[in-house]
Amino acid sequence: MKKSALSLVLAVFTGVTTMASTPVDNEVKQVKTTESTVTWKGYKVTGSHHGTIALKSGSLIFDGDKLTGGEFVVDMPTLVSNDLQGEYKGKLEGHLKSDDFFGVDAHPTSKLVFTSVKATGKNSYEVTGDLTIKGKTNPVTFDISIYGNKATATMKVDRSLYDVKYGSGSFFDNLGDKTIYDEFDLVVDLVF
């Protein structure tokens, strides 16, 4: 009887210690899309334009308190300009959504999938991911900071890699002051 009781105690103890040392699976935290913002800024020789675009969905993956992954889908038809009003605002938004730029009718979403995450500080990471715009996928690298249930990321995107050619000096000569620079900025503020 003592032998069976000892075996039972050892079995329970082994089971408990095995469970305690088993790593926790990655935790997926859904991004609150209505509370999160994506701000864009594009540049041309004579100035710049800026606005917002909404996330359709998003998630960050954590192992404990360490970021390990993420995936985001951007709702391209929500692209708006915040620096113009009236007729000019409508013209710019329509042009950005047209095939000259992002071809929103044929490509209603863009997507970012993290492929590697490297810690650079206590709450900071360098992320490389696959960004898909207009059906073309290219790697991008950017910095992201996590504080509690919020994250902030900034990135530069080279539109010429995604077949967004309009007004680009990479594709057209002699544009002069009509040149629109290939790189645009994104500032992403996430709540999850």
Protein backbone atom coordinates (compact mmCIF):
# COMPACT_ATOMS: atom_id res chain seq x y z
CA MET A 1 0.00 0.00 0.00
CA LYS A 2 2.84 2.40 0.89
CA LYS A 3 4.48 1.63 -2.45
CA SER A 4 1.28 2.49 -4.42
CA ALA A 5 0.75 5.69 -2.45
CA LEU A 6 4.36 6.70 -3.12
CA SER A 7 3.94 5.94 -6.83
CA LEU A 8 0.77 8.04 -6.94
CA VAL A 9 2.48 10.98 -5.20
CA LEU A 10 5.43 10.75 -7.62
CA ALA A 11 3.10 10.57 -10.63
CA VAL A 12 1.16 13.66 -9.47
CA PHE A 13 4.36 15.55 -8.64
CA THR A 14 5.88 14.69 -12.04
CA GLY A 15 2.68 15.76 -13.81
CA VAL A 16 2.54 19.08 -11.96
CA THR A 17 6.20 19.91 -12.57
CA THR A 18 5.89 18.96 -16.24
CA MET A 19 2.88 21.27 -16.61
CA ALA A 20 4.69 24.08 -14.80
CA SER A 21 7.73 23.86 -17.08
CA THR A 22 5.76 23.47 -20.33
CA PRO A 23 6.03 26.74 -22.27
CA VAL A 24 2.84 28.70 -22.80
CA ASP A 25 1.69 28.76 -26.41
CA ASN A 26 1.91 32.08 -28.20
CA GLU A 27 -0.91 34.42 -27.26
CA VAL A 28 -2.67 36.16 -30.15
CA LYS A 29 -3.98 39.61 -29.21
CA GLN A 30 -6.55 41.07 -31.59
CA VAL A 31 -6.11 44.72 -32.52
CA LYS A 32 -9.08 47.00 -31.84
CA THR A 33 -9.44 48.39 -35.36
CA THR A 34 -11.84 51.21 -34.40
CA GLU A 35 -9.40 52.53 -31.78
CA SER A 36 -6.24 52.10 -33.88
CA THR A 37 -5.01 54.54 -36.55
CA VAL A 38 -2.84 54.39 -39.65
CA THR A 39 -1.62 57.79 -40.86
CA TRP A 40 0.07 58.18 -44.23
CA LYS A 41 2.15 61.00 -45.70
CA GLY A 42 3.23 61.23 -49.34
CA TYR A 43 5.74 63.70 -50.74
CA LYS A 44 6.14 65.56 -54.02
CA VAL A 45 8.60 68.19 -55.20
CA THR A 46 6.16 71.00 -54.36
CA GLY A 47 4.94 69.72 -50.97
CA SER A 48 3.12 66.78 -49.41
CA HIS A 49 -0.27 65.31 -48.60
CA HIS A 50 -1.36 63.32 -45.56
CA GLY A 51 -4.36 61.37 -44.37
CA THR A 52 -5.53 58.12 -42.83
CA ILE A 53 -6.52 54.62 -43.81
CA ALA A 54 -8.33 52.05 -41.65
CA LEU A 55 -7.32 48.60 -40.57
CA LYS A 56 -9.74 45.84 -41.54
CA SER A 57 -8.15 43.41 -39.07
CA GLY A 58 -4.97 42.89 -37.14
CA SER A 59 -3.28 40.86 -34.46
CA LEU A 60 -0.03 40.77 -32.54
CA ILE A 61 1.47 37.54 -31.23
CA PHE A 62 3.28 37.41 -27.89
CA ASP A 63 5.29 34.81 -26.03
CA GLY A 64 4.79 36.08 -22.49
CA ASP A 65 5.50 39.79 -22.79
CA LYS A 66 7.76 39.44 -25.87
CA LEU A 67 6.43 40.27 -29.33
CA THR A 68 6.95 37.33 -31.72
CA GLY A 69 4.66 38.01 -34.68
CA GLY A 70 1.77 39.88 -36.21
CA GLU A 71 -0.53 40.19 -39.19
CA PHE A 72 -2.57 43.13 -40.49
CA VAL A 73 -5.07 43.74 -43.27
CA VAL A 74 -5.63 47.33 -44.46
CA ASP A 75 -9.02 48.39 -45.85
CA MET A 76 -7.89 50.30 -48.97
CA PRO A 77 -11.26 51.97 -49.84
CA THR A 78 -11.04 53.90 -46.51
CA LEU A 79 -8.04 55.91 -47.77
CA VAL A 80 -8.72 59.62 -47.13
CA SER A 81 -6.81 62.87 -47.34
CA ASN A 82 -6.84 65.10 -44.25
CA ASP A 83 -5.00 68.12 -45.65
CA LEU A 84 -7.47 69.15 -48.38
CA GLN A 85 -11.14 70.15 -48.42
CA GLY A 86 -14.02 70.07 -50.88
CA GLU A 87 -13.39 69.41 -54.57
CA TYR A 88 -9.60 69.03 -54.22
CA LYS A 89 -9.97 66.50 -51.41
CA GLY A 90 -12.35 64.41 -53.55
CA LYS A 91 -10.05 64.60 -56.57
CA LEU A 92 -6.97 63.50 -54.61
CA GLU A 93 -8.79 60.65 -52.88
CA GLY A 94 -10.29 59.47 -56.18
CA HIS A 95 -6.90 59.60 -57.87
CA LEU A 96 -5.15 57.69 -55.05
CA LYS A 97 -7.83 54.98 -55.24
CA SER A 98 -7.59 54.76 -59.06
CA ASP A 99 -5.37 52.41 -61.05
CA ASP A 100 -2.80 55.24 -61.35
CA PHE A 101 -2.01 54.59 -57.68
CA PHE A 102 -3.50 51.82 -55.51
CA GLY A 103 -6.21 50.33 -57.77
CA VAL A 104 -8.62 49.93 -54.87
CA ASP A 105 -11.44 48.38 -56.95
CA ALA A 106 -9.23 45.44 -57.99
CA HIS A 107 -7.18 45.40 -54.77
CA PRO A 108 -9.48 46.32 -51.84
CA THR A 109 -7.00 45.16 -49.19
CA SER A 110 -3.29 45.30 -48.49
CA LYS A 111 -1.59 42.97 -46.06
CA LEU A 112 1.42 42.87 -43.75
CA VAL A 113 2.68 39.60 -42.23
CA PHE A 114 5.60 39.67 -39.78
CA THR A 115 8.37 37.23 -40.80
CA SER A 116 10.93 38.05 -38.09
CA VAL A 117 10.93 40.03 -34.85
CA LYS A 118 14.14 41.05 -33.07
CA ALA A 119 14.17 42.78 -29.68
CA THR A 120 16.21 46.01 -29.73
CA GLY A 121 15.33 47.21 -26.23
CA LYS A 122 12.96 46.58 -23.34
CA ASN A 123 9.81 47.51 -25.32
CA SER A 124 11.31 47.97 -28.79
CA TYR A 125 11.62 45.63 -31.73
CA GLU A 126 12.89 45.59 -35.29
CA VAL A 127 10.36 43.78 -37.46
CA THR A 128 10.73 42.44 -40.96
CA GLY A 129 7.54 41.52 -42.75
CA ASP A 130 6.02 40.76 -46.11
CA LEU A 131 3.96 43.72 -47.33
CA THR A 132 1.46 43.08 -50.13
CA ILE A 133 0.05 46.03 -52.10
CA LYS A 134 -1.71 45.65 -55.46
CA GLY A 135 -0.98 41.92 -55.40
CA LYS A 136 2.79 42.45 -55.19
CA THR A 137 4.70 41.31 -52.08
CA ASN A 138 8.02 42.73 -50.89
CA PRO A 139 9.89 42.69 -47.58
CA VAL A 140 9.82 45.77 -45.34
CA THR A 141 11.72 46.45 -42.13
CA PHE A 142 10.49 48.84 -39.46
CA ASP A 143 10.59 49.62 -35.74
CA ILE A 144 7.73 48.98 -33.33
CA SER A 145 7.38 49.87 -29.64
CA ILE A 146 4.98 48.15 -27.24
CA TYR A 147 3.65 49.79 -24.07
CA GLY A 148 0.94 47.92 -22.18
CA ASN A 149 -1.94 47.37 -24.61
CA LYS A 150 -0.63 49.90 -27.16
CA ALA A 151 1.95 49.75 -29.93
CA THR A 152 3.44 52.34 -32.26
CA ALA A 153 5.25 51.64 -35.51
CA THR A 154 6.73 53.82 -38.23
CA MET A 155 7.77 52.70 -41.69
CA LYS A 156 8.77 53.95 -45.10
CA VAL A 157 7.25 52.22 -48.10
CA ASP A 158 8.68 52.43 -51.62
CA ARG A 159 5.59 52.51 -53.84
CA SER A 160 7.60 51.77 -57.00
CA LEU A 161 8.08 48.19 -55.73
CA TYR A 162 4.29 47.71 -55.84
CA ASP A 163 3.66 48.92 -59.40
CA VAL A 164 2.45 52.35 -58.22
CA LYS A 165 4.09 54.34 -61.01
CA TYR A 166 2.16 57.59 -61.41
CA GLY A 167 4.45 60.64 -61.27
CA SER A 168 7.44 58.52 -60.26
CA GLY A 169 10.90 59.62 -61.36
CA SER A 170 11.86 55.93 -61.27
CA PHE A 171 9.62 55.28 -64.29
CA PHE A 172 9.27 58.62 -66.09
CA ASP A 173 11.79 61.24 -67.23
CA ASN A 174 11.46 65.03 -67.21
CA LEU A 175 8.64 65.28 -64.65
CA GLY A 176 10.17 68.38 -63.06
CA ASP A 177 7.98 69.80 -60.29
CA LYS A 178 5.30 67.17 -61.07
CA THR A 179 7.50 64.45 -59.56
CA ILE A 180 5.96 62.48 -56.70
CA TYR A 181 8.56 60.75 -54.54
CA ASP A 182 8.50 56.96 -54.39
CA GLU A 183 8.70 56.67 -50.61
CA PHE A 184 5.76 57.46 -48.38
CA ASP A 185 5.53 57.27 -44.59
CA LEU A 186 3.16 55.28 -42.40
CA VAL A 187 2.68 55.90 -38.69
CA VAL A 188 0.63 53.17 -37.02
CA ASP A 189 -0.87 53.50 -33.52
CA LEU A 190 -2.40 50.26 -32.31
CA VAL A 191 -4.67 49.41 -29.40
CA PHE A 192 -5.15 45.73 -28.54
